[in-house]
């Protein structure tokens, strides 16, 4: 684990202002029977945090304004108030786009609560000192790097020398490439996986299959075809944004079962995509319960892989 130990959210409670939710045992009881407790709790593999303190942690004003920060704040304390009652003990932080390549806030959170958080950072893959940046981030608890379209054509990734370097370095060092993509981009990822078979890939949010409100069979087929690459993993996440987009999200169960069959639980990881999962009519517990209680048939061991063990293997083990 980050530095070789199992840590839980209890570590946060040793810091002023962070309190254990008094409803924890009541709300997470069924899930705890599967193995979630303060020592071996679940892992949320995809959460964003940010602070309203833009003086200390400035946002990228070229692309965002303070008005774009909705909610205005989502700190580790606010996060733990949501995830602790569901038996979640560790979290993978995803660098928030507000900060672009300045990973400072995420790194400070990881450092403040050792063993509780791991990170997925954002780097400029065209930077001259890319290898040094990646090494420094890995030393600080970052275990993957997010790539996204940002309105560009992902086909350019196939010939981009900086992207090639990023995939090569990640592959050599046991780090993950984490694409935020659409179904139309699966073919590009497929080709990159052929070029860099040793590089671990973790696809966010089912590759956004279902974001239009419909689970399109052809898109789901394309996602599942990526299972032919042994290092491709998928986050079963962002349920609030997929399919009917209504709790308890049971319309997503056929898609979940399909990816379980294609990738196996050992290459899937549940995640909430907080704070967006806890906005409006959506809530945290409904997200984890879709996998923890409603996804059947699934053995206790397989459920533990999706809720904890895959994310632990990918994001909390020491870098090879």
Protein backbone atom coordinates (compact mmCIF):
# COMPACT_ATOMS: atom_id res chain seq x y z
CA UNK A 1 0.00 0.00 0.00
CA UNK A 2 1.29 3.51 -0.57
CA UNK A 3 4.14 2.83 1.77
CA UNK A 4 3.34 -0.70 2.78
CA UNK A 5 0.50 -0.45 5.31
CA UNK A 6 -3.30 -0.67 5.44
CA UNK A 7 -4.88 2.59 6.54
CA UNK A 8 -8.51 3.46 7.05
CA UNK A 9 -10.63 6.56 7.28
CA UNK A 10 -10.05 6.35 11.02
CA UNK A 11 -6.77 8.10 10.26
CA UNK A 12 -8.75 11.17 9.27
CA UNK A 13 -10.49 11.24 12.60
CA UNK A 14 -7.18 11.97 14.29
CA UNK A 15 -7.24 15.40 12.63
CA UNK A 16 -9.29 18.32 14.00
CA UNK A 17 -12.57 18.93 12.22
CA UNK A 18 -12.97 15.44 10.77
CA UNK A 19 -15.49 13.27 12.53
CA UNK A 20 -16.73 9.72 12.01
CA UNK A 21 -20.37 9.70 10.84
CA UNK A 22 -22.52 8.38 13.68
CA UNK A 23 -24.71 6.50 11.19
CA UNK A 24 -21.87 4.39 9.81
CA UNK A 25 -22.84 1.04 11.32
CA UNK A 26 -26.52 1.39 10.50
CA UNK A 27 -26.13 2.41 6.88
CA UNK A 28 -23.31 0.08 5.88
CA UNK A 29 -24.43 -3.05 7.75
CA UNK A 30 -25.22 -5.27 4.73
CA UNK A 31 -22.02 -4.25 3.00
CA UNK A 32 -19.90 -4.86 6.09
CA UNK A 33 -20.96 -8.49 6.02
CA UNK A 34 -18.99 -8.73 2.78
CA UNK A 35 -15.80 -7.58 4.43
CA UNK A 36 -16.01 -3.82 4.90
CA UNK A 37 -14.80 -2.55 8.25
CA UNK A 38 -12.40 0.12 9.44
CA UNK A 39 -9.42 -2.16 8.82
CA UNK A 40 -10.32 -3.66 5.43
CA UNK A 41 -12.96 -1.27 4.13
CA UNK A 42 -13.89 -0.61 0.55
CA UNK A 43 -12.03 1.63 -1.88
CA UNK A 44 -13.71 4.36 -3.88
CA UNK A 45 -11.58 4.43 -7.03
CA UNK A 46 -12.63 7.82 -8.40
CA UNK A 47 -13.24 11.02 -6.43
CA UNK A 48 -12.40 14.67 -7.04
CA UNK A 49 -11.58 17.07 -4.22
CA UNK A 50 -11.04 20.80 -4.27
CA UNK A 51 -10.87 23.75 -1.92
CA UNK A 52 -12.37 27.25 -2.08
CA UNK A 53 -8.93 28.56 -1.10
CA UNK A 54 -7.97 29.67 -4.60
CA UNK A 55 -5.30 31.99 -3.24
CA UNK A 56 -3.26 29.04 -1.96
CA UNK A 57 -4.40 26.64 -4.68
CA UNK A 58 -5.11 28.69 -7.81
CA UNK A 59 -7.30 27.27 -10.56
CA UNK A 60 -6.51 27.44 -14.27
CA UNK A 61 -8.13 30.79 -15.07
CA UNK A 62 -7.55 30.26 -18.80
CA UNK A 63 -10.24 27.59 -18.81
CA UNK A 64 -12.23 28.06 -15.60
CA UNK A 65 -13.59 30.67 -13.23
CA UNK A 66 -14.52 30.36 -9.57
CA UNK A 67 -18.16 30.17 -10.69
CA UNK A 68 -17.35 26.84 -12.38
CA UNK A 69 -16.47 25.31 -9.00
CA UNK A 70 -19.79 23.62 -8.24
CA UNK A 71 -20.12 22.73 -5.47
CA UNK A 72 -17.94 25.57 -4.20
CA UNK A 73 -16.00 23.13 -2.02
CA UNK A 74 -15.44 19.39 -1.75
CA UNK A 75 -12.69 18.77 0.75
CA UNK A 76 -11.52 15.46 2.29
CA UNK A 77 -13.72 16.21 5.30
CA UNK A 78 -16.80 16.63 3.10
CA UNK A 79 -15.87 13.50 1.17
CA UNK A 80 -15.51 11.34 4.28
CA UNK A 81 -18.88 12.46 5.56
CA UNK A 82 -20.29 10.82 2.43
CA UNK A 83 -18.15 7.68 2.14
CA UNK A 84 -17.51 6.55 5.73
CA UNK A 85 -21.15 5.54 6.39
CA UNK A 86 -20.89 3.12 3.44
CA UNK A 87 -17.80 1.35 4.78
CA UNK A 88 -15.33 3.04 2.43
CA UNK A 89 -11.87 3.30 3.95
CA UNK A 90 -9.61 4.46 1.14
CA UNK A 91 -10.03 6.66 -1.90
CA UNK A 92 -8.32 7.24 -5.24
CA UNK A 93 -8.22 10.97 -5.88
CA UNK A 94 -8.49 12.11 -9.49
CA UNK A 95 -6.83 15.42 -10.27
CA UNK A 96 -9.56 18.00 -10.75
CA UNK A 97 -9.60 19.74 -14.11
CA UNK A 98 -9.90 23.14 -12.38
CA UNK A 99 -6.23 22.80 -11.45
CA UNK A 100 -5.01 21.45 -14.82
CA UNK A 101 -1.42 20.18 -14.35
CA UNK A 102 -0.92 21.78 -10.93
CA UNK A 103 -1.42 18.69 -8.76
CA UNK A 104 -0.53 20.52 -5.52
CA UNK A 105 -3.85 20.25 -3.70
CA UNK A 106 -4.24 16.56 -4.42
CA UNK A 107 -0.65 15.88 -3.35
CA UNK A 108 -1.09 17.82 -0.11
CA UNK A 109 -4.19 15.76 0.72
CA UNK A 110 -2.33 12.51 0.04
CA UNK A 111 0.55 13.66 2.24
CA UNK A 112 -1.69 14.83 5.09
CA UNK A 113 -3.50 11.49 5.36
CA UNK A 114 -0.89 8.82 4.58
CA UNK A 115 -2.28 5.51 3.37
CA UNK A 116 -5.84 6.78 2.99
CA UNK A 117 -5.50 8.33 -0.45
CA UNK A 118 -3.81 7.46 -3.71
CA UNK A 119 -3.81 9.73 -6.74
CA UNK A 120 -4.24 10.00 -10.49
CA UNK A 121 -2.51 13.12 -11.77
CA UNK A 122 -2.51 15.24 -14.88
CA UNK A 123 0.72 16.12 -16.66
CA UNK A 124 1.64 17.97 -19.83
CA UNK A 125 2.82 15.04 -21.91
CA UNK A 126 4.77 17.43 -24.13
CA UNK A 127 6.87 18.74 -21.23
CA UNK A 128 10.61 18.45 -21.77
CA UNK A 129 11.06 17.10 -18.23
CA UNK A 130 8.19 14.62 -18.40
CA UNK A 131 10.21 11.69 -16.97
CA UNK A 132 11.25 13.78 -13.97
CA UNK A 133 7.70 15.00 -13.37
CA UNK A 134 6.32 11.46 -13.48
CA UNK A 135 9.00 10.17 -11.10
CA UNK A 136 8.33 12.98 -8.62
CA UNK A 137 4.56 12.42 -8.72
CA UNK A 138 4.98 8.67 -8.27
CA UNK A 139 7.17 9.31 -5.23
CA UNK A 140 4.35 11.44 -3.82
CA UNK A 141 1.63 8.80 -4.13
CA UNK A 142 0.40 9.21 -7.70
CA UNK A 143 -0.26 5.87 -9.39
CA UNK A 144 -1.80 6.92 -12.68
CA UNK A 145 -2.19 9.71 -15.20
CA UNK A 146 -5.41 10.98 -16.67
CA UNK A 147 -5.72 11.69 -20.38
CA UNK A 148 -8.81 13.28 -21.92
CA UNK A 149 -10.04 14.57 -25.22
CA UNK A 150 -10.59 18.22 -24.27
CA UNK A 151 -12.41 18.67 -27.56
CA UNK A 152 -9.56 17.27 -29.64
CA UNK A 153 -9.57 14.20 -31.85
CA UNK A 154 -8.10 11.29 -29.92
CA UNK A 155 -6.72 9.85 -33.16
CA UNK A 156 -3.84 12.31 -32.74
CA UNK A 157 -2.76 10.27 -29.71
CA UNK A 158 -1.60 7.53 -32.07
CA UNK A 159 1.12 9.70 -33.60
CA UNK A 160 1.83 12.11 -30.74
CA UNK A 161 5.41 11.69 -29.52
CA UNK A 162 4.58 13.06 -26.07
CA UNK A 163 1.70 10.64 -25.66
CA UNK A 164 4.01 7.82 -26.73
CA UNK A 165 6.51 8.82 -24.05
CA UNK A 166 3.79 8.96 -21.39
CA UNK A 167 2.55 5.45 -22.23
CA UNK A 168 6.10 4.08 -22.36
CA UNK A 169 7.12 5.56 -19.00
CA UNK A 170 3.92 4.40 -17.35
CA UNK A 171 4.42 0.88 -18.68
CA UNK A 172 8.01 0.69 -17.44
CA UNK A 173 7.10 1.89 -13.97
CA UNK A 174 3.87 0.05 -13.23
CA UNK A 175 1.78 3.19 -13.47
CA UNK A 176 -1.64 3.46 -15.11
CA UNK A 177 -3.00 5.48 -18.00
CA UNK A 178 -6.55 6.56 -17.18
CA UNK A 179 -8.52 7.73 -20.24
CA UNK A 180 -11.63 9.86 -19.88
CA UNK A 181 -13.15 9.06 -23.26
CA UNK A 182 -16.32 8.45 -25.22
CA UNK A 183 -17.35 5.22 -26.97
CA UNK A 184 -16.15 6.62 -30.29
CA UNK A 185 -12.62 6.60 -28.87
CA UNK A 186 -12.44 2.89 -28.03
CA UNK A 187 -10.75 2.09 -31.35
CA UNK A 188 -7.93 4.50 -30.53
CA UNK A 189 -7.39 2.94 -27.11
CA UNK A 190 -7.42 -0.48 -28.75
CA UNK A 191 -4.57 0.55 -31.07
CA UNK A 192 -2.58 2.11 -28.24
CA UNK A 193 -2.92 -1.08 -26.21
CA UNK A 194 -1.50 -3.01 -29.15
CA UNK A 195 1.47 -0.62 -29.29
CA UNK A 196 2.02 -0.60 -25.52
CA UNK A 197 0.85 -3.99 -24.23
CA UNK A 198 2.69 -3.65 -20.91
CA UNK A 199 1.00 -0.39 -19.99
CA UNK A 200 -1.92 -0.71 -17.59
CA UNK A 201 -5.06 1.15 -18.72
CA UNK A 202 -7.99 2.09 -16.48
CA UNK A 203 -11.00 3.37 -18.41
CA UNK A 204 -13.20 5.82 -16.53
CA UNK A 205 -16.98 5.43 -16.19
CA UNK A 206 -17.50 2.49 -18.62
CA UNK A 207 -16.02 4.76 -21.30
CA UNK A 208 -19.25 6.78 -20.94
CA UNK A 209 -21.40 4.08 -22.49
CA UNK A 210 -24.93 5.14 -21.56
CA UNK A 211 -24.24 8.84 -21.05
CA UNK A 212 -26.86 9.68 -23.71
CA UNK A 213 -29.51 7.91 -21.65
CA UNK A 214 -29.37 4.70 -23.68
CA UNK A 215 -27.04 1.71 -23.33
CA UNK A 216 -26.20 1.26 -27.00
CA UNK A 217 -25.32 -2.43 -27.63
CA UNK A 218 -22.68 -1.63 -30.26
CA UNK A 219 -20.91 0.73 -27.88
CA UNK A 220 -20.98 -1.80 -25.06
CA UNK A 221 -19.63 -4.44 -27.45
CA UNK A 222 -16.74 -2.14 -28.38
CA UNK A 223 -15.92 -1.56 -24.73
CA UNK A 224 -15.96 -5.27 -23.97
CA UNK A 225 -13.72 -6.02 -26.95
CA UNK A 226 -10.98 -4.14 -25.12
CA UNK A 227 -10.93 -7.01 -22.62
CA UNK A 228 -8.69 -8.84 -25.09
CA UNK A 229 -5.86 -6.67 -23.74
CA UNK A 230 -4.83 -8.19 -20.42
CA UNK A 231 -3.88 -4.83 -18.88
CA UNK A 232 -7.14 -3.01 -19.57
CA UNK A 233 -9.30 -2.30 -16.51
CA UNK A 234 -12.67 -0.53 -16.27
CA UNK A 235 -14.18 1.66 -13.58
CA UNK A 236 -17.82 0.77 -12.96
CA UNK A 237 -18.67 4.29 -11.91
CA UNK A 238 -20.65 7.51 -12.38
CA UNK A 239 -23.99 5.71 -12.22
CA UNK A 240 -25.74 9.07 -11.76
CA UNK A 241 -24.75 10.01 -15.33
CA UNK A 242 -25.58 6.79 -17.19
CA UNK A 243 -28.72 5.11 -18.48
CA UNK A 244 -31.93 6.35 -16.87
CA UNK A 245 -29.83 8.30 -14.35
CA UNK A 246 -32.21 7.40 -11.54
CA UNK A 247 -31.62 5.62 -8.26
CA UNK A 248 -31.29 2.72 -7.55
CA UNK A 249 -29.68 2.48 -11.05
CA UNK A 250 -30.86 -1.09 -11.61
CA UNK A 251 -31.23 -0.41 -15.34
CA UNK A 252 -27.41 -0.52 -15.40
CA UNK A 253 -27.26 -4.10 -14.10
CA UNK A 254 -27.20 -5.74 -17.56
CA UNK A 255 -24.22 -3.57 -18.52
CA UNK A 256 -22.51 -4.38 -15.23
CA UNK A 257 -23.00 -8.11 -15.74
CA UNK A 258 -21.66 -7.85 -19.28
CA UNK A 259 -18.42 -6.17 -18.20
CA UNK A 260 -18.04 -8.66 -15.34
CA UNK A 261 -18.28 -11.49 -17.87
CA UNK A 262 -15.87 -9.80 -20.29
CA UNK A 263 -13.20 -8.40 -18.00
CA UNK A 264 -13.67 -10.50 -14.81
CA UNK A 265 -13.99 -8.84 -11.38
CA UNK A 266 -10.19 -8.75 -11.12
CA UNK A 267 -10.13 -5.99 -13.75
CA UNK A 268 -13.10 -3.97 -12.55
CA UNK A 269 -13.29 -1.38 -9.79
CA UNK A 270 -16.26 0.44 -8.35
CA UNK A 271 -16.12 4.21 -7.94
CA UNK A 272 -18.57 6.97 -7.08
CA UNK A 273 -17.25 9.97 -9.04
CA UNK A 274 -17.97 12.20 -6.08
CA UNK A 275 -18.93 14.94 -5.57
CA UNK A 276 -21.14 14.54 -8.62
CA UNK A 277 -22.65 11.31 -7.30
CA UNK A 278 -24.04 13.17 -4.27
CA UNK A 279 -25.67 16.10 -6.05
CA UNK A 280 -29.40 16.66 -6.45
CA UNK A 281 -31.48 13.49 -6.21
CA UNK A 282 -28.45 11.19 -6.18
CA UNK A 283 -26.66 9.74 -3.14
CA UNK A 284 -23.55 7.79 -2.25
CA UNK A 285 -25.17 4.73 -0.73
CA UNK A 286 -27.21 3.98 -3.85
CA UNK A 287 -24.02 3.90 -5.90
CA UNK A 288 -22.16 1.38 -3.78
CA UNK A 289 -25.27 -0.71 -3.18
CA UNK A 290 -25.69 -1.34 -6.91
CA UNK A 291 -22.52 -3.44 -6.79
CA UNK A 292 -22.56 -4.37 -3.11
CA UNK A 293 -26.11 -5.71 -2.99
CA UNK A 294 -27.95 -5.66 -6.32
CA UNK A 295 -25.36 -7.18 -8.68
CA UNK A 296 -26.27 -10.87 -8.68
CA UNK A 297 -25.19 -13.58 -9.03
CA UNK A 298 -21.78 -12.60 -7.73
CA UNK A 299 -19.66 -14.42 -5.19
CA UNK A 300 -18.42 -12.73 -2.03
CA UNK A 301 -14.87 -12.89 -3.39
CA UNK A 302 -15.81 -11.37 -6.74
CA UNK A 303 -17.72 -8.57 -5.03
CA UNK A 304 -14.69 -7.81 -2.91
CA UNK A 305 -12.53 -7.58 -6.02
CA UNK A 306 -14.81 -4.93 -7.52
CA UNK A 307 -15.32 -3.00 -4.28
CA UNK A 308 -11.74 -3.11 -3.02
CA UNK A 309 -9.14 -5.56 -4.26
CA UNK A 310 -8.75 -4.42 -7.88
CA UNK A 311 -8.30 -0.78 -6.88
CA UNK A 312 -5.92 -1.82 -4.11
CA UNK A 313 -3.81 -3.81 -6.58
CA UNK A 314 -3.75 -1.01 -9.17
CA UNK A 315 -3.59 2.15 -7.07
CA UNK A 316 -2.29 1.23 -3.62
CA UNK A 317 0.43 -1.33 -4.24
CA UNK A 318 3.97 -0.06 -4.46
CA UNK A 319 5.17 0.90 -7.92
CA UNK A 320 7.10 -1.97 -9.50
